[in-house]
């Protein structure tokens, strides 16, 4: 696991200072120091905050205020303490650079702390056709 401010093995030549907020699909808080940004182009960007952001992992939600269409290194995110955006806000923390990552990178780095990032296969049983022939004939849209 990479803590805020620690060196990592990413190649800084591929890191980005800013991202376009219109390209962000969703985010995933990994821990108090790392947030994954899932982008529209199927890219994943890891942001390791400049310092640990207490409460971020526990709450899992944050807001940001920007003056442009870009979210950049040194912009601040603020932890949402309550259940809604109107509730009190918590600690604010500065973003680091945005680094491209793969799901394998994330699983290798964070699987011990985040079960969602573990690459475990889930066996699902086959689905049985429960509609009888009369139902299928009555509704031609059912295959």
C-alpha atoms as a PDB file:
ATOM      1  CA  UNK A   1       0.000   0.000   0.000  1.00  0.00           C
ATOM      2  CA  UNK A   2       1.246   3.479  -0.851  1.00  0.00           C
ATOM      3  CA  UNK A   3       0.731   6.125   1.788  1.00  0.00           C
ATOM      4  CA  UNK A   4       0.406   9.791   0.985  1.00  0.00           C
ATOM      5  CA  UNK A   5       3.741  11.408   0.317  1.00  0.00           C
ATOM      6  CA  UNK A   6       5.570   8.097  -0.212  1.00  0.00           C
ATOM      7  CA  UNK A   7       7.514   7.300  -3.349  1.00  0.00           C
ATOM      8  CA  UNK A   8       5.958   4.741  -5.637  1.00  0.00           C
ATOM      9  CA  UNK A   9       7.012   2.807  -8.714  1.00  0.00           C
ATOM     10  CA  UNK A  10       5.003   4.821 -11.253  1.00  0.00           C
ATOM     11  CA  UNK A  11       6.807   6.432 -14.126  1.00  0.00           C
ATOM     12  CA  UNK A  12       6.315  10.173 -13.610  1.00  0.00           C
ATOM     13  CA  UNK A  13       6.534  10.670 -17.377  1.00  0.00           C
ATOM     14  CA  UNK A  14       2.993   9.255 -17.624  1.00  0.00           C
ATOM     15  CA  UNK A  15       1.494  11.227 -14.756  1.00  0.00           C
ATOM     16  CA  UNK A  16      -0.796  14.167 -15.395  1.00  0.00           C
ATOM     17  CA  UNK A  17      -1.172  17.370 -13.481  1.00  0.00           C
ATOM     18  CA  UNK A  18      -4.849  17.912 -14.466  1.00  0.00           C
ATOM     19  CA  UNK A  19      -7.838  15.966 -15.757  1.00  0.00           C
ATOM     20  CA  UNK A  20     -11.017  17.183 -17.453  1.00  0.00           C
ATOM     21  CA  UNK A  21     -13.924  16.829 -15.010  1.00  0.00           C
ATOM     22  CA  UNK A  22     -16.295  16.054 -17.880  1.00  0.00           C
ATOM     23  CA  UNK A  23     -14.365  12.829 -18.473  1.00  0.00           C
ATOM     24  CA  UNK A  24     -14.796  11.512 -14.897  1.00  0.00           C
ATOM     25  CA  UNK A  25     -17.342   8.681 -14.711  1.00  0.00           C
ATOM     26  CA  UNK A  26     -16.922   7.815 -11.046  1.00  0.00           C
ATOM     27  CA  UNK A  27     -14.403   7.636  -8.253  1.00  0.00           C
ATOM     28  CA  UNK A  28     -13.380   4.964  -5.761  1.00  0.00           C
ATOM     29  CA  UNK A  29     -11.810   5.894  -2.445  1.00  0.00           C
ATOM     30  CA  UNK A  30      -9.261   3.180  -1.693  1.00  0.00           C
ATOM     31  CA  UNK A  31      -7.954   4.494   1.621  1.00  0.00           C
ATOM     32  CA  UNK A  32      -7.195   7.803   3.357  1.00  0.00           C
ATOM     33  CA  UNK A  33      -4.405   8.499   0.853  1.00  0.00           C
ATOM     34  CA  UNK A  34      -5.559   7.142  -2.526  1.00  0.00           C
ATOM     35  CA  UNK A  35      -8.493   7.752  -4.869  1.00  0.00           C
ATOM     36  CA  UNK A  36      -9.080   6.050  -8.223  1.00  0.00           C
ATOM     37  CA  UNK A  37     -10.741   8.112 -10.959  1.00  0.00           C
ATOM     38  CA  UNK A  38     -12.558   6.032 -13.586  1.00  0.00           C
ATOM     39  CA  UNK A  39     -12.616   7.955 -16.854  1.00  0.00           C
ATOM     40  CA  UNK A  40     -14.884   7.854 -19.926  1.00  0.00           C
ATOM     41  CA  UNK A  41     -12.101   6.492 -22.149  1.00  0.00           C
ATOM     42  CA  UNK A  42     -11.847   3.328 -19.982  1.00  0.00           C
ATOM     43  CA  UNK A  43      -8.749   4.747 -18.335  1.00  0.00           C
ATOM     44  CA  UNK A  44      -8.194   4.536 -14.591  1.00  0.00           C
ATOM     45  CA  UNK A  45      -6.146   7.204 -12.859  1.00  0.00           C
ATOM     46  CA  UNK A  46      -4.752   6.838  -9.356  1.00  0.00           C
ATOM     47  CA  UNK A  47      -4.332   9.965  -7.293  1.00  0.00           C
ATOM     48  CA  UNK A  48      -2.161   9.656  -4.199  1.00  0.00           C
ATOM     49  CA  UNK A  49      -3.001  12.642  -2.032  1.00  0.00           C
ATOM     50  CA  UNK A  50      -0.218  14.940  -0.865  1.00  0.00           C
ATOM     51  CA  UNK A  51      -0.986  13.969   2.743  1.00  0.00           C
ATOM     52  CA  UNK A  52      -3.237  11.487   4.528  1.00  0.00           C
ATOM     53  CA  UNK A  53      -6.871  12.641   4.539  1.00  0.00           C
ATOM     54  CA  UNK A  54      -8.371  11.441   7.813  1.00  0.00           C
ATOM     55  CA  UNK A  55     -11.927  10.135   7.445  1.00  0.00           C
ATOM     56  CA  UNK A  56     -11.832   9.773   3.652  1.00  0.00           C
ATOM     57  CA  UNK A  57     -11.820   5.961   3.635  1.00  0.00           C
ATOM     58  CA  UNK A  58     -14.434   5.719   6.386  1.00  0.00           C
ATOM     59  CA  UNK A  59     -16.862   8.058   4.592  1.00  0.00           C
ATOM     60  CA  UNK A  60     -15.892   7.140   1.045  1.00  0.00           C
ATOM     61  CA  UNK A  61     -17.277  10.387  -0.394  1.00  0.00           C
ATOM     62  CA  UNK A  62     -15.855  13.792  -1.148  1.00  0.00           C
ATOM     63  CA  UNK A  63     -16.577  17.025  -2.983  1.00  0.00           C
ATOM     64  CA  UNK A  64     -14.345  19.485  -4.771  1.00  0.00           C
ATOM     65  CA  UNK A  65     -14.725  23.087  -5.849  1.00  0.00           C
ATOM     66  CA  UNK A  66     -12.904  24.261  -8.945  1.00  0.00           C
ATOM     67  CA  UNK A  67     -12.906  27.375 -11.108  1.00  0.00           C
ATOM     68  CA  UNK A  68     -12.394  25.629 -14.446  1.00  0.00           C
ATOM     69  CA  UNK A  69     -13.269  22.371 -16.206  1.00  0.00           C
ATOM     70  CA  UNK A  70     -10.120  20.732 -14.833  1.00  0.00           C
ATOM     71  CA  UNK A  71      -9.326  18.991 -11.577  1.00  0.00           C
ATOM     72  CA  UNK A  72      -5.639  19.459 -10.896  1.00  0.00           C
ATOM     73  CA  UNK A  73      -2.781  18.582  -8.605  1.00  0.00           C
ATOM     74  CA  UNK A  74      -2.989  20.755  -5.466  1.00  0.00           C
ATOM     75  CA  UNK A  75      -6.778  21.241  -5.841  1.00  0.00           C
ATOM     76  CA  UNK A  76      -8.496  20.302  -2.612  1.00  0.00           C
ATOM     77  CA  UNK A  77     -11.094  17.625  -1.978  1.00  0.00           C
ATOM     78  CA  UNK A  78     -13.292  17.772   1.120  1.00  0.00           C
ATOM     79  CA  UNK A  79     -14.658  14.703   2.911  1.00  0.00           C
ATOM     80  CA  UNK A  80     -18.459  14.554   3.214  1.00  0.00           C
ATOM     81  CA  UNK A  81     -19.076  13.689   6.863  1.00  0.00           C
ATOM     82  CA  UNK A  82     -22.829  13.093   6.782  1.00  0.00           C
ATOM     83  CA  UNK A  83     -25.249  11.203   4.610  1.00  0.00           C
ATOM     84  CA  UNK A  84     -25.975  14.085   2.247  1.00  0.00           C
ATOM     85  CA  UNK A  85     -24.179  16.952   0.561  1.00  0.00           C
ATOM     86  CA  UNK A  86     -25.964  19.443   2.821  1.00  0.00           C
ATOM     87  CA  UNK A  87     -24.492  17.895   5.958  1.00  0.00           C
ATOM     88  CA  UNK A  88     -21.254  19.115   7.548  1.00  0.00           C
ATOM     89  CA  UNK A  89     -18.095  18.726   5.550  1.00  0.00           C
ATOM     90  CA  UNK A  90     -14.944  17.263   7.038  1.00  0.00           C
ATOM     91  CA  UNK A  91     -11.270  17.622   6.392  1.00  0.00           C
ATOM     92  CA  UNK A  92      -9.931  19.086   3.133  1.00  0.00           C
ATOM     93  CA  UNK A  93      -6.888  17.545   1.459  1.00  0.00           C
ATOM     94  CA  UNK A  94      -4.731  18.359  -1.576  1.00  0.00           C
ATOM     95  CA  UNK A  95      -4.638  16.114  -4.626  1.00  0.00           C
ATOM     96  CA  UNK A  96      -1.412  14.745  -6.028  1.00  0.00           C
ATOM     97  CA  UNK A  97      -0.679  13.926  -9.670  1.00  0.00           C
ATOM     98  CA  UNK A  98      -2.937  11.616 -11.684  1.00  0.00           C
ATOM     99  CA  UNK A  99      -1.214   8.392 -12.741  1.00  0.00           C
ATOM    100  CA  UNK A 100      -2.604   5.832 -15.206  1.00  0.00           C
ATOM    101  CA  UNK A 101      -3.103   2.399 -13.624  1.00  0.00           C
ATOM    102  CA  UNK A 102      -4.545  -0.958 -14.600  1.00  0.00           C
ATOM    103  CA  UNK A 103      -6.884  -3.109 -12.545  1.00  0.00           C
ATOM    104  CA  UNK A 104      -3.936  -5.464 -12.013  1.00  0.00           C
ATOM    105  CA  UNK A 105      -1.875  -2.581 -10.575  1.00  0.00           C
ATOM    106  CA  UNK A 106      -4.708  -1.711  -8.215  1.00  0.00           C
ATOM    107  CA  UNK A 107      -5.279  -5.309  -7.155  1.00  0.00           C
ATOM    108  CA  UNK A 108      -1.578  -5.807  -6.466  1.00  0.00           C
ATOM    109  CA  UNK A 109      -1.281  -2.597  -4.432  1.00  0.00           C
ATOM    110  CA  UNK A 110      -4.596  -2.438  -2.590  1.00  0.00           C
ATOM    111  CA  UNK A 111      -6.293  -5.865  -2.494  1.00  0.00           C
ATOM    112  CA  UNK A 112      -5.262  -6.429   1.139  1.00  0.00           C
ATOM    113  CA  UNK A 113      -7.217  -3.312   2.179  1.00  0.00           C
ATOM    114  CA  UNK A 114     -10.029  -3.271  -0.407  1.00  0.00           C
ATOM    115  CA  UNK A 115     -11.901  -6.501  -1.195  1.00  0.00           C
ATOM    116  CA  UNK A 116     -13.541  -4.893  -4.255  1.00  0.00           C
ATOM    117  CA  UNK A 117     -10.122  -4.723  -5.891  1.00  0.00           C
ATOM    118  CA  UNK A 118      -9.384  -8.419  -5.314  1.00  0.00           C
ATOM    119  CA  UNK A 119      -9.441 -10.425  -8.535  1.00  0.00           C
ATOM    120  CA  UNK A 120     -11.518 -13.333  -7.252  1.00  0.00           C
ATOM    121  CA  UNK A 121     -13.790 -15.204  -9.609  1.00  0.00           C
ATOM    122  CA  UNK A 122     -17.361 -15.689  -8.501  1.00  0.00           C
ATOM    123  CA  UNK A 123     -19.081 -18.815  -9.733  1.00  0.00           C
ATOM    124  CA  UNK A 124     -22.642 -18.222 -10.872  1.00  0.00           C
ATOM    125  CA  UNK A 125     -25.043 -21.045 -11.698  1.00  0.00           C
ATOM    126  CA  UNK A 126     -26.705 -21.100 -15.132  1.00  0.00           C
ATOM    127  CA  UNK A 127     -30.105 -19.430 -15.350  1.00  0.00           C
ATOM    128  CA  UNK A 128     -33.037 -21.701 -16.115  1.00  0.00           C
ATOM    129  CA  UNK A 129     -35.820 -20.734 -18.491  1.00  0.00           C
ATOM    130  CA  UNK A 130     -38.813 -20.419 -16.158  1.00  0.00           C
ATOM    131  CA  UNK A 131     -41.360 -19.263 -18.745  1.00  0.00           C
ATOM    132  CA  UNK A 132     -43.668 -21.900 -20.114  1.00  0.00           C
ATOM    133  CA  UNK A 133     -44.428 -22.162 -23.838  1.00  0.00           C
ATOM    134  CA  UNK A 134     -47.909 -20.557 -23.455  1.00  0.00           C
ATOM    135  CA  UNK A 135     -46.358 -17.408 -21.961  1.00  0.00           C
ATOM    136  CA  UNK A 136     -43.820 -17.185 -24.772  1.00  0.00           C
ATOM    137  CA  UNK A 137     -46.559 -17.542 -27.415  1.00  0.00           C
ATOM    138  CA  UNK A 138     -48.753 -14.870 -25.753  1.00  0.00           C
ATOM    139  CA  UNK A 139     -45.941 -12.287 -25.817  1.00  0.00           C
ATOM    140  CA  UNK A 140     -43.898 -12.419 -29.045  1.00  0.00           C
ATOM    141  CA  UNK A 141     -41.220 -10.126 -27.554  1.00  0.00           C
ATOM    142  CA  UNK A 142     -40.174 -12.891 -25.156  1.00  0.00           C
ATOM    143  CA  UNK A 143     -37.585 -15.166 -26.679  1.00  0.00           C
END
